[in-house]
Amino acid sequence: MMGAMLTTLVAFLGACTLIAASPGPSTVLIVKQSLRSRRAGFMTVLGNETGIFVWGLAAAFGLTALVAASELAYDIMRVVGAAVLLVFGAQTLWNARKKKAGADDADDADAPVKARSSWAAYRSGLLLNLANPKAAVFAMSFLPQFVPSGAPRLPFMIGLAALWALYEVGYFGLYVWCVGRMKAVLSRAAVRRRLEQVSGGVLVLLGVRLAVEG
């Protein structure tokens, strides 16, 4: 029994690694926020993983099946998700256009600004994940595959959802750390503006794709 559980756990973590390594809107947003500061990047990761855990809970209780079964519910979430991506992308492009050389660290001017910025980063990660209907459907199809035969389904799926979220906190935390290590290069105004332009453009394209797909 323990051997089967260990095999399942290794397979699950391997699948989590492949999922996290696949580029998507959350990855783009995490890198974008990490360009501002490590604090903003890590809070975005925490927001995103809160969304992962919420969808995992929804899958455990069978709620995501309603999204998959209802075309109207899925389309509503798809349109909302596309709007969120487009707004985030447009804001990023606008901020990159307005940014002036030497103003890169303006967001860290004082503690209250840092606190507001941190919670805004957390909310952006959470909102982006919860507005993605693909995340809901994926959680429903992904987690049940790793519930061993005979195991209590509900508590096991909740545990897997928590493990998935915690694992990705560590995985995406490495992204935040790497961006921080490259701060000497990335903090240059021209480089930072160009990276924000790229990330904003990618978010807009992902939003358009989500809006037009069936």
N, C-alpha and C. Protein backbone atom coordinates (compact mmCIF):
# COMPACT_ATOMS: atom_id res chain seq x y z
N MET A 1 0.83 -1.21 0.00
CA MET A 1 0.00 0.00 0.00
C MET A 1 0.86 1.26 0.00
N MET A 2 1.87 1.28 0.89
CA MET A 2 2.75 2.44 0.95
C MET A 2 3.52 2.63 -0.34
N GLY A 3 3.92 1.47 -0.96
CA GLY A 3 4.63 1.57 -2.23
C GLY A 3 3.78 2.17 -3.32
N ALA A 4 2.50 1.79 -3.36
CA ALA A 4 1.58 2.34 -4.35
C ALA A 4 1.36 3.82 -4.11
N MET A 5 1.24 4.22 -2.84
CA MET A 5 1.05 5.63 -2.52
C MET A 5 2.26 6.45 -2.94
N LEU A 6 3.46 5.92 -2.69
CA LEU A 6 4.68 6.64 -3.06
C LEU A 6 4.78 6.79 -4.57
N THR A 7 4.44 5.71 -5.30
CA THR A 7 4.46 5.77 -6.77
C THR A 7 3.48 6.82 -7.28
N THR A 8 2.29 6.84 -6.67
CA THR A 8 1.28 7.83 -7.05
C THR A 8 1.77 9.24 -6.78
N LEU A 9 2.42 9.44 -5.64
CA LEU A 9 2.92 10.77 -5.27
C LEU A 9 4.00 11.25 -6.24
N VAL A 10 4.93 10.35 -6.59
CA VAL A 10 5.99 10.71 -7.53
C VAL A 10 5.40 11.07 -8.89
N ALA A 11 4.44 10.27 -9.34
CA ALA A 11 3.79 10.54 -10.63
C ALA A 11 3.04 11.87 -10.59
N PHE A 12 2.39 12.13 -9.47
CA PHE A 12 1.63 13.38 -9.33
C PHE A 12 2.55 14.59 -9.38
N LEU A 13 3.66 14.54 -8.64
CA LEU A 13 4.59 15.67 -8.64
C LEU A 13 5.25 15.85 -10.00
N GLY A 14 5.49 14.76 -10.71
CA GLY A 14 6.03 14.86 -12.06
C GLY A 14 5.05 15.56 -12.98
N ALA A 15 3.76 15.19 -12.86
CA ALA A 15 2.74 15.84 -13.67
C ALA A 15 2.61 17.31 -13.31
N CYS A 16 2.71 17.63 -12.01
CA CYS A 16 2.65 19.03 -11.58
C CYS A 16 3.80 19.85 -12.19
N THR A 17 4.97 19.22 -12.30
CA THR A 17 6.12 19.91 -12.89
C THR A 17 5.86 20.22 -14.36
N LEU A 18 5.31 19.26 -15.09
CA LEU A 18 5.01 19.47 -16.51
C LEU A 18 3.96 20.56 -16.69
N ILE A 19 2.97 20.57 -15.80
CA ILE A 19 1.92 21.59 -15.88
C ILE A 19 2.51 22.98 -15.64
N ALA A 20 3.31 23.11 -14.59
CA ALA A 20 3.90 24.41 -14.25
C ALA A 20 4.85 24.89 -15.33
N ALA A 21 5.53 23.95 -15.99
CA ALA A 21 6.51 24.32 -17.02
C ALA A 21 5.85 24.75 -18.32
N SER A 22 4.57 24.46 -18.49
CA SER A 22 3.87 24.86 -19.71
C SER A 22 3.54 26.35 -19.64
N PRO A 23 4.02 27.13 -20.60
CA PRO A 23 3.76 28.58 -20.55
C PRO A 23 2.26 28.88 -20.60
N GLY A 24 1.85 29.85 -19.84
CA GLY A 24 0.44 30.24 -19.81
C GLY A 24 0.30 31.64 -19.25
N PRO A 25 -0.95 32.14 -19.14
CA PRO A 25 -1.16 33.50 -18.64
C PRO A 25 -0.56 33.72 -17.25
N SER A 26 -0.69 32.72 -16.36
CA SER A 26 -0.18 32.89 -15.00
C SER A 26 1.34 33.07 -15.00
N THR A 27 2.03 32.31 -15.83
CA THR A 27 3.48 32.43 -15.91
C THR A 27 3.88 33.83 -16.37
N VAL A 28 3.19 34.31 -17.39
CA VAL A 28 3.48 35.65 -17.91
C VAL A 28 3.25 36.71 -16.83
N LEU A 29 2.13 36.58 -16.11
CA LEU A 29 1.82 37.56 -15.07
C LEU A 29 2.84 37.53 -13.93
N ILE A 30 3.27 36.33 -13.55
CA ILE A 30 4.25 36.19 -12.47
C ILE A 30 5.57 36.87 -12.85
N VAL A 31 6.02 36.61 -14.08
CA VAL A 31 7.27 37.23 -14.54
C VAL A 31 7.10 38.75 -14.60
N LYS A 32 5.96 39.19 -15.13
CA LYS A 32 5.69 40.63 -15.23
C LYS A 32 5.75 41.30 -13.85
N GLN A 33 5.09 40.71 -12.86
CA GLN A 33 5.08 41.30 -11.53
C GLN A 33 6.44 41.20 -10.86
N SER A 34 7.19 40.15 -11.18
CA SER A 34 8.53 40.00 -10.60
C SER A 34 9.48 41.06 -11.11
N LEU A 35 9.18 41.63 -12.29
CA LEU A 35 9.99 42.73 -12.80
C LEU A 35 9.87 43.95 -11.90
N ARG A 36 8.74 44.09 -11.21
CA ARG A 36 8.55 45.23 -10.29
C ARG A 36 9.34 45.01 -9.02
N SER A 37 9.16 43.82 -8.41
CA SER A 37 9.88 43.50 -7.17
C SER A 37 9.66 42.03 -6.86
N ARG A 38 10.53 41.48 -6.02
CA ARG A 38 10.34 40.09 -5.59
C ARG A 38 9.06 39.95 -4.78
N ARG A 39 8.77 40.97 -3.98
CA ARG A 39 7.56 40.94 -3.17
C ARG A 39 6.31 40.81 -4.05
N ALA A 40 6.24 41.65 -5.09
CA ALA A 40 5.09 41.61 -5.99
C ALA A 40 5.02 40.28 -6.71
N GLY A 41 6.16 39.77 -7.15
CA GLY A 41 6.19 38.49 -7.85
C GLY A 41 5.71 37.36 -6.96
N PHE A 42 6.20 37.32 -5.72
CA PHE A 42 5.83 36.22 -4.83
C PHE A 42 4.37 36.32 -4.41
N MET A 43 3.85 37.53 -4.20
CA MET A 43 2.45 37.68 -3.86
C MET A 43 1.55 37.25 -5.02
N THR A 44 2.01 37.49 -6.25
CA THR A 44 1.27 37.02 -7.42
C THR A 44 1.24 35.49 -7.44
N VAL A 45 2.36 34.87 -7.11
CA VAL A 45 2.42 33.41 -7.02
C VAL A 45 1.42 32.91 -5.97
N LEU A 46 1.39 33.53 -4.80
CA LEU A 46 0.47 33.11 -3.75
C LEU A 46 -0.99 33.26 -4.21
N GLY A 47 -1.29 34.35 -4.92
CA GLY A 47 -2.64 34.54 -5.44
C GLY A 47 -3.01 33.47 -6.44
N ASN A 48 -2.07 33.17 -7.35
CA ASN A 48 -2.32 32.15 -8.36
C ASN A 48 -2.55 30.78 -7.71
N GLU A 49 -1.75 30.46 -6.72
CA GLU A 49 -1.88 29.14 -6.08
C GLU A 49 -3.11 29.05 -5.18
N THR A 50 -3.56 30.18 -4.65
CA THR A 50 -4.85 30.18 -3.96
C THR A 50 -5.95 29.79 -4.93
N GLY A 51 -5.88 30.33 -6.16
CA GLY A 51 -6.84 29.95 -7.19
C GLY A 51 -6.76 28.47 -7.53
N ILE A 52 -5.53 27.94 -7.63
CA ILE A 52 -5.35 26.52 -7.90
C ILE A 52 -6.04 25.69 -6.81
N PHE A 53 -5.84 26.06 -5.55
CA PHE A 53 -6.43 25.30 -4.45
C PHE A 53 -7.96 25.42 -4.47
N VAL A 54 -8.47 26.59 -4.80
CA VAL A 54 -9.92 26.77 -4.88
C VAL A 54 -10.52 25.86 -5.94
N TRP A 55 -9.88 25.81 -7.13
CA TRP A 55 -10.38 24.93 -8.19
C TRP A 55 -10.23 23.47 -7.79
N GLY A 56 -9.16 23.14 -7.05
CA GLY A 56 -9.01 21.78 -6.56
C GLY A 56 -10.13 21.39 -5.62
N LEU A 57 -10.49 22.31 -4.72
CA LEU A 57 -11.61 22.06 -3.82
C LEU A 57 -12.91 21.90 -4.60
N ALA A 58 -13.10 22.77 -5.59
CA ALA A 58 -14.31 22.69 -6.41
C ALA A 58 -14.38 21.35 -7.13
N ALA A 59 -13.24 20.88 -7.62
CA ALA A 59 -13.20 19.58 -8.31
C ALA A 59 -13.51 18.46 -7.33
N ALA A 60 -12.97 18.56 -6.11
CA ALA A 60 -13.20 17.52 -5.09
C ALA A 60 -14.68 17.41 -4.75
N PHE A 61 -15.37 18.53 -4.72
CA PHE A 61 -16.79 18.52 -4.39
C PHE A 61 -17.69 18.40 -5.62
N GLY A 62 -17.07 18.26 -6.81
CA GLY A 62 -17.85 18.06 -8.03
C GLY A 62 -18.41 19.31 -8.64
N LEU A 63 -18.00 20.49 -8.15
CA LEU A 63 -18.57 21.74 -8.66
C LEU A 63 -18.07 22.09 -10.05
N THR A 64 -16.82 21.74 -10.37
CA THR A 64 -16.29 22.09 -11.69
C THR A 64 -16.98 21.29 -12.78
N ALA A 65 -17.61 20.17 -12.43
CA ALA A 65 -18.36 19.40 -13.42
C ALA A 65 -19.52 20.23 -13.98
N LEU A 66 -20.05 21.14 -13.14
CA LEU A 66 -21.14 22.00 -13.60
C LEU A 66 -20.66 22.95 -14.69
N VAL A 67 -19.43 23.46 -14.53
CA VAL A 67 -18.86 24.35 -15.55
C VAL A 67 -18.65 23.59 -16.85
N ALA A 68 -18.12 22.36 -16.74
CA ALA A 68 -17.85 21.57 -17.93
C ALA A 68 -19.14 21.15 -18.64
N ALA A 69 -20.20 20.92 -17.84
CA ALA A 69 -21.45 20.42 -18.42
C ALA A 69 -22.31 21.54 -19.00
N SER A 70 -22.14 22.76 -18.51
CA SER A 70 -22.97 23.87 -18.96
C SER A 70 -22.21 24.74 -19.96
N GLU A 71 -22.68 24.75 -21.19
CA GLU A 71 -22.03 25.57 -22.21
C GLU A 71 -22.14 27.05 -21.87
N LEU A 72 -23.28 27.45 -21.31
CA LEU A 72 -23.48 28.85 -20.96
C LEU A 72 -22.51 29.27 -19.86
N ALA A 73 -22.39 28.43 -18.81
CA ALA A 73 -21.48 28.76 -17.71
C ALA A 73 -20.04 28.84 -18.20
N TYR A 74 -19.66 27.91 -19.05
CA TYR A 74 -18.30 27.93 -19.57
C TYR A 74 -18.06 29.18 -20.42
N ASP A 75 -19.03 29.53 -21.27
CA ASP A 75 -18.86 30.70 -22.13
C ASP A 75 -18.79 31.99 -21.32
N ILE A 76 -19.58 32.06 -20.24
CA ILE A 76 -19.53 33.25 -19.38
C ILE A 76 -18.15 33.38 -18.76
N MET A 77 -17.63 32.27 -18.23
CA MET A 77 -16.30 32.30 -17.64
C MET A 77 -15.23 32.60 -18.68
N ARG A 78 -15.43 32.09 -19.90
CA ARG A 78 -14.46 32.33 -20.96
C ARG A 78 -14.40 33.81 -21.32
N VAL A 79 -15.55 34.44 -21.43
CA VAL A 79 -15.60 35.87 -21.77
C VAL A 79 -15.00 36.70 -20.64
N VAL A 80 -15.34 36.36 -19.40
CA VAL A 80 -14.78 37.08 -18.25
C VAL A 80 -13.27 36.91 -18.20
N GLY A 81 -12.80 35.68 -18.41
CA GLY A 81 -11.37 35.42 -18.40
C GLY A 81 -10.64 36.18 -19.50
N ALA A 82 -11.25 36.24 -20.68
CA ALA A 82 -10.65 36.98 -21.78
C ALA A 82 -10.57 38.47 -21.45
N ALA A 83 -11.63 38.99 -20.82
CA ALA A 83 -11.64 40.41 -20.44
C ALA A 83 -10.55 40.71 -19.42
N VAL A 84 -10.37 39.80 -18.44
CA VAL A 84 -9.33 40.00 -17.44
C VAL A 84 -7.95 40.03 -18.10
N LEU A 85 -7.70 39.11 -19.00
CA LEU A 85 -6.41 39.07 -19.70
C LEU A 85 -6.18 40.33 -20.52
N LEU A 86 -7.22 40.78 -21.22
CA LEU A 86 -7.10 41.98 -22.05
C LEU A 86 -6.83 43.22 -21.19
N VAL A 87 -7.52 43.31 -20.04
CA VAL A 87 -7.31 44.45 -19.15
C VAL A 87 -5.89 44.45 -18.60
N PHE A 88 -5.44 43.28 -18.11
CA PHE A 88 -4.09 43.19 -17.58
C PHE A 88 -3.06 43.51 -18.66
N GLY A 89 -3.26 42.99 -19.85
CA GLY A 89 -2.33 43.24 -20.94
C GLY A 89 -2.29 44.70 -21.33
N ALA A 90 -3.48 45.31 -21.44
CA ALA A 90 -3.55 46.72 -21.83
C ALA A 90 -2.92 47.61 -20.76
N GLN A 91 -3.15 47.29 -19.49
CA GLN A 91 -2.53 48.07 -18.41
C GLN A 91 -1.01 47.97 -18.46
N THR A 92 -0.52 46.77 -18.73
CA THR A 92 0.93 46.58 -18.81
C THR A 92 1.53 47.38 -19.96
N LEU A 93 0.88 47.35 -21.11
CA LEU A 93 1.38 48.10 -22.26
C LEU A 93 1.32 49.60 -21.99
N TRP A 94 0.26 50.05 -21.33
CA TRP A 94 0.13 51.48 -21.03
C TRP A 94 1.18 51.94 -20.03
N ASN A 95 1.41 51.12 -19.00
CA ASN A 95 2.42 51.47 -18.00
C ASN A 95 3.82 51.49 -18.61
N ALA A 96 4.08 50.55 -19.53
CA ALA A 96 5.38 50.52 -20.19
C ALA A 96 5.58 51.78 -21.04
N ARG A 97 4.50 52.25 -21.63
CA ARG A 97 4.59 53.45 -22.46
C ARG A 97 4.84 54.70 -21.61
N LYS A 98 4.20 54.74 -20.41
CA LYS A 98 4.33 55.91 -19.55
C LYS A 98 5.64 55.95 -18.78
N LYS A 99 6.23 54.76 -18.59
CA LYS A 99 7.39 54.68 -17.70
C LYS A 99 8.53 55.55 -18.20
N LYS A 100 9.14 56.24 -17.30
CA LYS A 100 10.28 57.08 -17.63
C LYS A 100 11.54 56.51 -17.00
N ALA A 101 12.64 56.78 -17.65
CA ALA A 101 13.91 56.31 -17.09
C ALA A 101 14.13 56.91 -15.71
N GLY A 102 14.61 56.06 -14.79
CA GLY A 102 14.88 56.49 -13.43
C GLY A 102 13.71 56.37 -12.50
N ALA A 103 12.52 55.95 -13.01
CA ALA A 103 11.34 55.82 -12.15
C ALA A 103 11.04 54.38 -11.80
N ASP A 104 11.98 53.47 -12.08
CA ASP A 104 11.73 52.04 -11.92
C ASP A 104 11.37 51.65 -10.50
N ASP A 105 11.94 52.33 -9.51
CA ASP A 105 11.73 51.92 -8.13
C ASP A 105 10.68 52.77 -7.42
N ALA A 106 9.86 53.49 -8.18
CA ALA A 106 8.89 54.39 -7.57
C ALA A 106 7.87 53.65 -6.73
N ASP A 107 7.55 52.39 -7.13
CA ASP A 107 6.55 51.62 -6.39
C ASP A 107 7.01 51.28 -4.98
N ASP A 108 8.33 51.35 -4.69
CA ASP A 108 8.85 50.95 -3.41
C ASP A 108 9.21 52.15 -2.55
N ALA A 109 8.57 53.27 -2.80
CA ALA A 109 8.96 54.51 -2.13
C ALA A 109 8.71 54.47 -0.63
N ASP A 110 7.62 53.81 -0.20
CA ASP A 110 7.36 53.73 1.23
C ASP A 110 6.58 52.48 1.55
N ALA A 111 6.45 52.18 2.84
CA ALA A 111 5.83 50.93 3.28
C ALA A 111 4.36 50.82 2.88
N PRO A 112 3.52 51.88 3.06
CA PRO A 112 2.13 51.76 2.66
C PRO A 112 1.97 51.43 1.19
N VAL A 113 2.79 52.04 0.34
CA VAL A 113 2.72 51.75 -1.08
C VAL A 113 3.08 50.28 -1.33
N LYS A 114 4.10 49.79 -0.61
CA LYS A 114 4.49 48.39 -0.75
C LYS A 114 3.35 47.47 -0.36
N ALA A 115 2.67 47.81 0.73
CA ALA A 115 1.58 46.96 1.19
C ALA A 115 0.45 46.93 0.16
N ARG A 116 0.08 48.09 -0.35
CA ARG A 116 -0.98 48.13 -1.36
C ARG A 116 -0.56 47.38 -2.61
N SER A 117 0.68 47.55 -3.01
CA SER A 117 1.19 46.89 -4.19
C SER A 117 1.18 45.38 -4.01
N SER A 118 1.53 44.91 -2.82
CA SER A 118 1.57 43.48 -2.55
C SER A 118 0.18 42.86 -2.65
N TRP A 119 -0.81 43.51 -2.03
CA TRP A 119 -2.16 42.97 -2.09
C TRP A 119 -2.73 43.06 -3.49
N ALA A 120 -2.38 44.10 -4.23
CA ALA A 120 -2.83 44.21 -5.61
C ALA A 120 -2.23 43.07 -6.44
N ALA A 121 -0.96 42.73 -6.20
CA ALA A 121 -0.33 41.63 -6.91
C ALA A 121 -1.00 40.31 -6.55
N TYR A 122 -1.32 40.11 -5.26
CA TYR A 122 -2.01 38.89 -4.84
C TYR A 122 -3.37 38.77 -5.53
N ARG A 123 -4.11 39.86 -5.55
CA ARG A 123 -5.44 39.84 -6.17
C ARG A 123 -5.35 39.57 -7.66
N SER A 124 -4.34 40.13 -8.32
CA SER A 124 -4.21 39.91 -9.76
C SER A 124 -3.94 38.44 -10.06
N GLY A 125 -3.07 37.80 -9.27
CA GLY A 125 -2.81 36.37 -9.48
C GLY A 125 -4.04 35.53 -9.22
N LEU A 126 -4.78 35.85 -8.15
CA LEU A 126 -5.99 35.11 -7.81
C LEU A 126 -7.06 35.29 -8.88
N LEU A 127 -7.29 36.54 -9.29
CA LEU A 127 -8.33 36.83 -10.28
C LEU A 127 -8.04 36.16 -11.61
N LEU A 128 -6.79 36.23 -12.05
CA LEU A 128 -6.44 35.65 -13.33
C LEU A 128 -6.69 34.15 -13.33
N ASN A 129 -6.39 33.48 -12.23
CA ASN A 129 -6.60 32.04 -12.16
C ASN A 129 -8.08 31.69 -12.07
N LEU A 130 -8.82 32.39 -11.22
CA LEU A 130 -10.24 32.07 -11.04
C LEU A 130 -11.08 32.41 -12.27
N ALA A 131 -10.60 33.34 -13.10
CA ALA A 131 -11.36 33.73 -14.29
C ALA A 131 -11.06 32.83 -15.48
N ASN A 132 -10.23 31.81 -15.27
CA ASN A 132 -9.83 30.93 -16.37
C ASN A 132 -10.66 29.65 -16.33
N PRO A 133 -11.61 29.48 -17.25
CA PRO A 133 -12.45 28.27 -17.23
C PRO A 133 -11.65 27.00 -17.51
N LYS A 134 -10.54 27.13 -18.24
CA LYS A 134 -9.71 25.96 -18.51
C LYS A 134 -9.12 25.40 -17.22
N ALA A 135 -8.80 26.29 -16.27
CA ALA A 135 -8.27 25.83 -14.99
C ALA A 135 -9.29 24.99 -14.25
N ALA A 136 -10.56 25.39 -14.32
CA ALA A 136 -11.62 24.64 -13.65
C ALA A 136 -11.78 23.25 -14.26
N VAL A 137 -11.87 23.20 -15.57
CA VAL A 137 -12.06 21.91 -16.26
C VAL A 137 -10.83 21.03 -16.09
N PHE A 138 -9.66 21.64 -16.11
CA PHE A 138 -8.43 20.86 -15.98
C PHE A 138 -8.34 20.23 -14.60
N ALA A 139 -8.67 20.99 -13.56
CA ALA A 139 -8.63 20.44 -12.20
C ALA A 139 -9.55 19.25 -12.07
N MET A 140 -10.72 19.33 -12.72
CA MET A 140 -11.69 18.25 -12.64
C MET A 140 -11.17 16.98 -13.30
N SER A 141 -10.43 17.14 -14.38
CA SER A 141 -9.93 15.96 -15.11
C SER A 141 -8.57 15.48 -14.60
N PHE A 142 -7.82 16.37 -13.95
CA PHE A 142 -6.45 16.05 -13.54
C PHE A 142 -6.39 15.31 -12.20
N LEU A 143 -7.02 15.89 -11.18
CA LEU A 143 -6.88 15.36 -9.83
C LEU A 143 -7.42 13.93 -9.65
N PRO A 144 -8.59 13.60 -10.21
CA PRO A 144 -9.12 12.24 -9.98
C PRO A 144 -8.21 11.13 -10.49
N GLN A 145 -7.34 11.43 -11.45
CA GLN A 145 -6.46 10.39 -12.00
C GLN A 145 -5.48 9.86 -10.96
N PHE A 146 -5.23 10.63 -9.90
CA PHE A 146 -4.21 10.26 -8.93
C PHE A 146 -4.81 9.82 -7.59
N VAL A 147 -6.11 9.54 -7.58
CA VAL A 147 -6.74 9.00 -6.38
C VAL A 147 -6.64 7.47 -6.45
N PRO A 148 -5.88 6.85 -5.55
CA PRO A 148 -5.72 5.39 -5.60
C PRO A 148 -7.05 4.67 -5.41
N SER A 149 -7.15 3.50 -6.02
CA SER A 149 -8.37 2.71 -5.88
C SER A 149 -8.59 2.35 -4.41
N GLY A 150 -9.80 2.60 -3.95
CA GLY A 150 -10.14 2.29 -2.57
C GLY A 150 -9.87 3.42 -1.60
N ALA A 151 -9.17 4.46 -2.02
CA ALA A 151 -8.88 5.58 -1.13
C ALA A 151 -10.11 6.48 -1.01
N PRO A 152 -10.31 7.14 0.13
CA PRO A 152 -11.44 8.07 0.28
C PRO A 152 -11.26 9.26 -0.68
N ARG A 153 -12.17 9.40 -1.60
CA ARG A 153 -12.00 10.34 -2.72
C ARG A 153 -11.91 11.79 -2.27
N LEU A 154 -12.85 12.24 -1.44
CA LEU A 154 -12.90 13.66 -1.07
C LEU A 154 -11.66 14.13 -0.32
N PRO A 155 -11.29 13.50 0.80
CA PRO A 155 -10.09 13.98 1.51
C PRO A 155 -8.81 13.82 0.69
N PHE A 156 -8.75 12.77 -0.15
CA PHE A 156 -7.55 12.56 -0.94
C PHE A 156 -7.41 13.66 -2.00
N MET A 157 -8.51 14.03 -2.64
CA MET A 157 -8.45 15.08 -3.66
C MET A 157 -8.14 16.43 -3.04
N ILE A 158 -8.67 16.69 -1.85
CA ILE A 158 -8.35 17.94 -1.16
C ILE A 158 -6.86 17.99 -0.83
N GLY A 159 -6.32 16.85 -0.37
CA GLY A 159 -4.89 16.79 -0.08
C GLY A 159 -4.05 16.99 -1.33
N LEU A 160 -4.47 16.40 -2.45
CA LEU A 160 -3.75 16.59 -3.71
C LEU A 160 -3.80 18.05 -4.16
N ALA A 161 -4.96 18.68 -4.00
CA ALA A 161 -5.09 20.09 -4.39
C ALA A 161 -4.14 20.96 -3.57
N ALA A 162 -4.05 20.68 -2.25
CA ALA A 162 -3.14 21.45 -1.40
C ALA A 162 -1.69 21.20 -1.79
N LEU A 163 -1.35 19.95 -2.08
CA LEU A 163 0.01 19.62 -2.49
C LEU A 163 0.35 20.28 -3.81
N TRP A 164 -0.58 20.28 -4.75
CA TRP A 164 -0.39 20.91 -6.06
C TRP A 164 -0.08 22.40 -5.87
N ALA A 165 -0.87 23.08 -5.05
CA ALA A 165 -0.67 24.51 -4.83
C ALA A 165 0.67 24.78 -4.15
N LEU A 166 1.01 24.01 -3.12
CA LEU A 166 2.27 24.21 -2.41
C LEU A 166 3.47 23.94 -3.31
N TYR A 167 3.37 22.91 -4.13
CA TYR A 167 4.46 22.58 -5.04
C TYR A 167 4.70 23.73 -6.02
N GLU A 168 3.62 24.30 -6.54
CA GLU A 168 3.78 25.39 -7.51
C GLU A 168 4.27 26.67 -6.85
N VAL A 169 3.99 26.85 -5.56
CA VAL A 169 4.56 27.99 -4.85
C VAL A 169 6.08 27.92 -4.91
N GLY A 170 6.61 26.71 -4.65
CA GLY A 170 8.06 26.53 -4.73
C GLY A 170 8.58 26.66 -6.15
N TYR A 171 7.84 26.10 -7.11
CA TYR A 171 8.29 26.12 -8.50
C TYR A 171 8.34 27.55 -9.04
N PHE A 172 7.23 28.26 -8.90
CA PHE A 172 7.19 29.63 -9.42
C PHE A 172 8.00 30.59 -8.55
N GLY A 173 8.23 30.20 -7.30
CA GLY A 173 9.12 31.00 -6.47
C GLY A 173 10.52 31.07 -7.07
N LEU A 174 10.93 30.00 -7.77
CA LEU A 174 12.22 30.02 -8.45
C LEU A 174 12.23 31.05 -9.58
N TYR A 175 11.09 31.21 -10.26
CA TYR A 175 10.99 32.24 -11.30
C TYR A 175 11.24 33.61 -10.69
N VAL A 176 10.55 33.86 -9.56
CA VAL A 176 10.69 35.16 -8.89
C VAL A 176 12.14 35.37 -8.47
N TRP A 177 12.77 34.34 -7.92
CA TRP A 177 14.15 34.43 -7.47
C TRP A 177 15.08 34.71 -8.65
N CYS A 178 14.86 34.02 -9.76
CA CYS A 178 15.73 34.21 -10.94
C CYS A 178 15.61 35.63 -11.50
N VAL A 179 14.39 36.14 -11.55
CA VAL A 179 14.21 37.52 -12.02
C VAL A 179 14.93 38.48 -11.08
N GLY A 180 14.85 38.22 -9.76
CA GLY A 180 15.54 39.05 -8.80
C GLY A 180 17.05 39.00 -8.97
N ARG A 181 17.58 37.82 -9.27
CA ARG A 181 19.02 37.67 -9.47
C ARG A 181 19.50 38.43 -10.70
N MET A 182 18.60 38.61 -11.67
CA MET A 182 18.96 39.33 -12.90
C MET A 182 18.61 40.80 -12.80
N LYS A 183 18.40 41.27 -11.57
CA LYS A 183 17.94 42.65 -11.36
C LYS A 183 18.87 43.68 -11.97
N ALA A 184 20.18 43.41 -11.94
CA ALA A 184 21.15 44.39 -12.45
C ALA A 184 20.89 44.69 -13.93
N VAL A 185 20.46 43.65 -14.66
CA VAL A 185 20.16 43.84 -16.09
C VAL A 185 18.74 44.30 -16.28
N LEU A 186 17.80 43.63 -15.59
CA LEU A 186 16.39 43.90 -15.81
C LEU A 186 15.94 45.24 -15.27
N SER A 187 16.71 45.82 -14.33
CA SER A 187 16.31 47.11 -13.76
C SER A 187 16.61 48.27 -14.69
N ARG A 188 17.36 48.02 -15.75
CA ARG A 188 17.60 49.08 -16.72
C ARG A 188 16.28 49.48 -17.36
N ALA A 189 16.05 50.77 -17.45
CA ALA A 189 14.75 51.27 -17.90
C ALA A 189 14.34 50.71 -19.26
N ALA A 190 15.26 50.75 -20.22
CA ALA A 190 14.93 50.30 -21.57
C ALA A 190 14.60 48.81 -21.61
N VAL A 191 15.40 48.01 -20.89
CA VAL A 191 15.16 46.57 -20.85
C VAL A 191 13.83 46.26 -20.18
N ARG A 192 13.59 46.94 -19.08
CA ARG A 192 12.36 46.68 -18.34
C ARG A 192 11.13 47.07 -19.15
N ARG A 193 11.19 48.20 -19.82
CA ARG A 193 10.06 48.61 -20.65
C ARG A 193 9.81 47.60 -21.76
N ARG A 194 10.89 47.11 -22.38
CA ARG A 194 10.72 46.15 -23.46
C ARG A 194 10.11 44.85 -22.96
N LEU A 195 10.54 44.37 -21.79
CA LEU A 195 9.98 43.15 -21.22
C LEU A 195 8.50 43.34 -20.86
N GLU A 196 8.17 44.51 -20.35
CA GLU A 196 6.76 44.78 -20.04
C GLU A 196 5.93 44.86 -21.30
N GLN A 197 6.51 45.42 -22.37
CA GLN A 197 5.80 45.45 -23.65
C GLN A 197 5.53 44.04 -24.16
N VAL A 198 6.53 43.17 -24.04
CA VAL A 198 6.37 41.79 -24.49
C VAL A 198 5.33 41.07 -23.66
N SER A 199 5.42 41.17 -22.32
CA SER A 199 4.47 40.49 -21.45
C SER A 199 3.06 41.03 -21.65
N GLY A 200 2.92 42.34 -21.82
CA GLY A 200 1.61 42.92 -22.08
C GLY A 200 1.03 42.45 -23.39
N GLY A 201 1.87 42.38 -24.42
CA GLY A 201 1.41 41.89 -25.71
C GLY A 201 0.97 40.43 -25.65
N VAL A 202 1.72 39.62 -24.91
CA VAL A 202 1.36 38.21 -24.77
C VAL A 202 0.03 38.06 -24.05
N LEU A 203 -0.19 38.83 -22.99
CA LEU A 203 -1.45 38.77 -22.26
C LEU A 203 -2.63 39.17 -23.16
N VAL A 204 -2.43 40.19 -23.97
CA VAL A 204 -3.48 40.62 -24.89
C VAL A 204 -3.78 39.52 -25.91
N LEU A 205 -2.74 38.92 -26.48
CA LEU A 205 -2.94 37.84 -27.45
C LEU A 205 -3.64 36.65 -26.83
N LEU A 206 -3.28 36.29 -25.60
CA LEU A 206 -3.94 35.18 -24.91
C LEU A 206 -5.41 35.51 -24.64
N GLY A 207 -5.68 36.77 -24.31
CA GLY A 207 -7.05 37.19 -24.09
C GLY A 207 -7.88 37.11 -25.36
N VAL A 208 -7.30 37.55 -26.47
CA VAL A 208 -8.00 37.47 -27.76
C VAL A 208 -8.27 36.02 -28.13
N ARG A 209 -7.27 35.16 -27.94
CA ARG A 209 -7.44 33.74 -28.28
C ARG A 209 -8.55 33.11 -27.44
N LEU A 210 -8.56 33.42 -26.14
CA LEU A 210 -9.60 32.86 -25.27
C LEU A 210 -10.97 33.38 -25.66
N ALA A 211 -11.05 34.63 -26.11
CA ALA A 211 -12.34 35.23 -26.46
C ALA A 211 -12.92 34.61 -27.73
N VAL A 212 -12.08 34.28 -28.68
CA VAL A 212 -12.59 33.82 -29.98
C VAL A 212 -12.72 32.31 -30.09
N GLU A 213 -12.11 31.57 -29.16
CA GLU A 213 -12.17 30.12 -29.28
C GLU A 213 -13.55 29.61 -28.90
N GLY A 214 -13.93 28.45 -29.46
CA GLY A 214 -15.24 27.89 -29.18
C GLY A 214 -15.23 27.06 -27.91
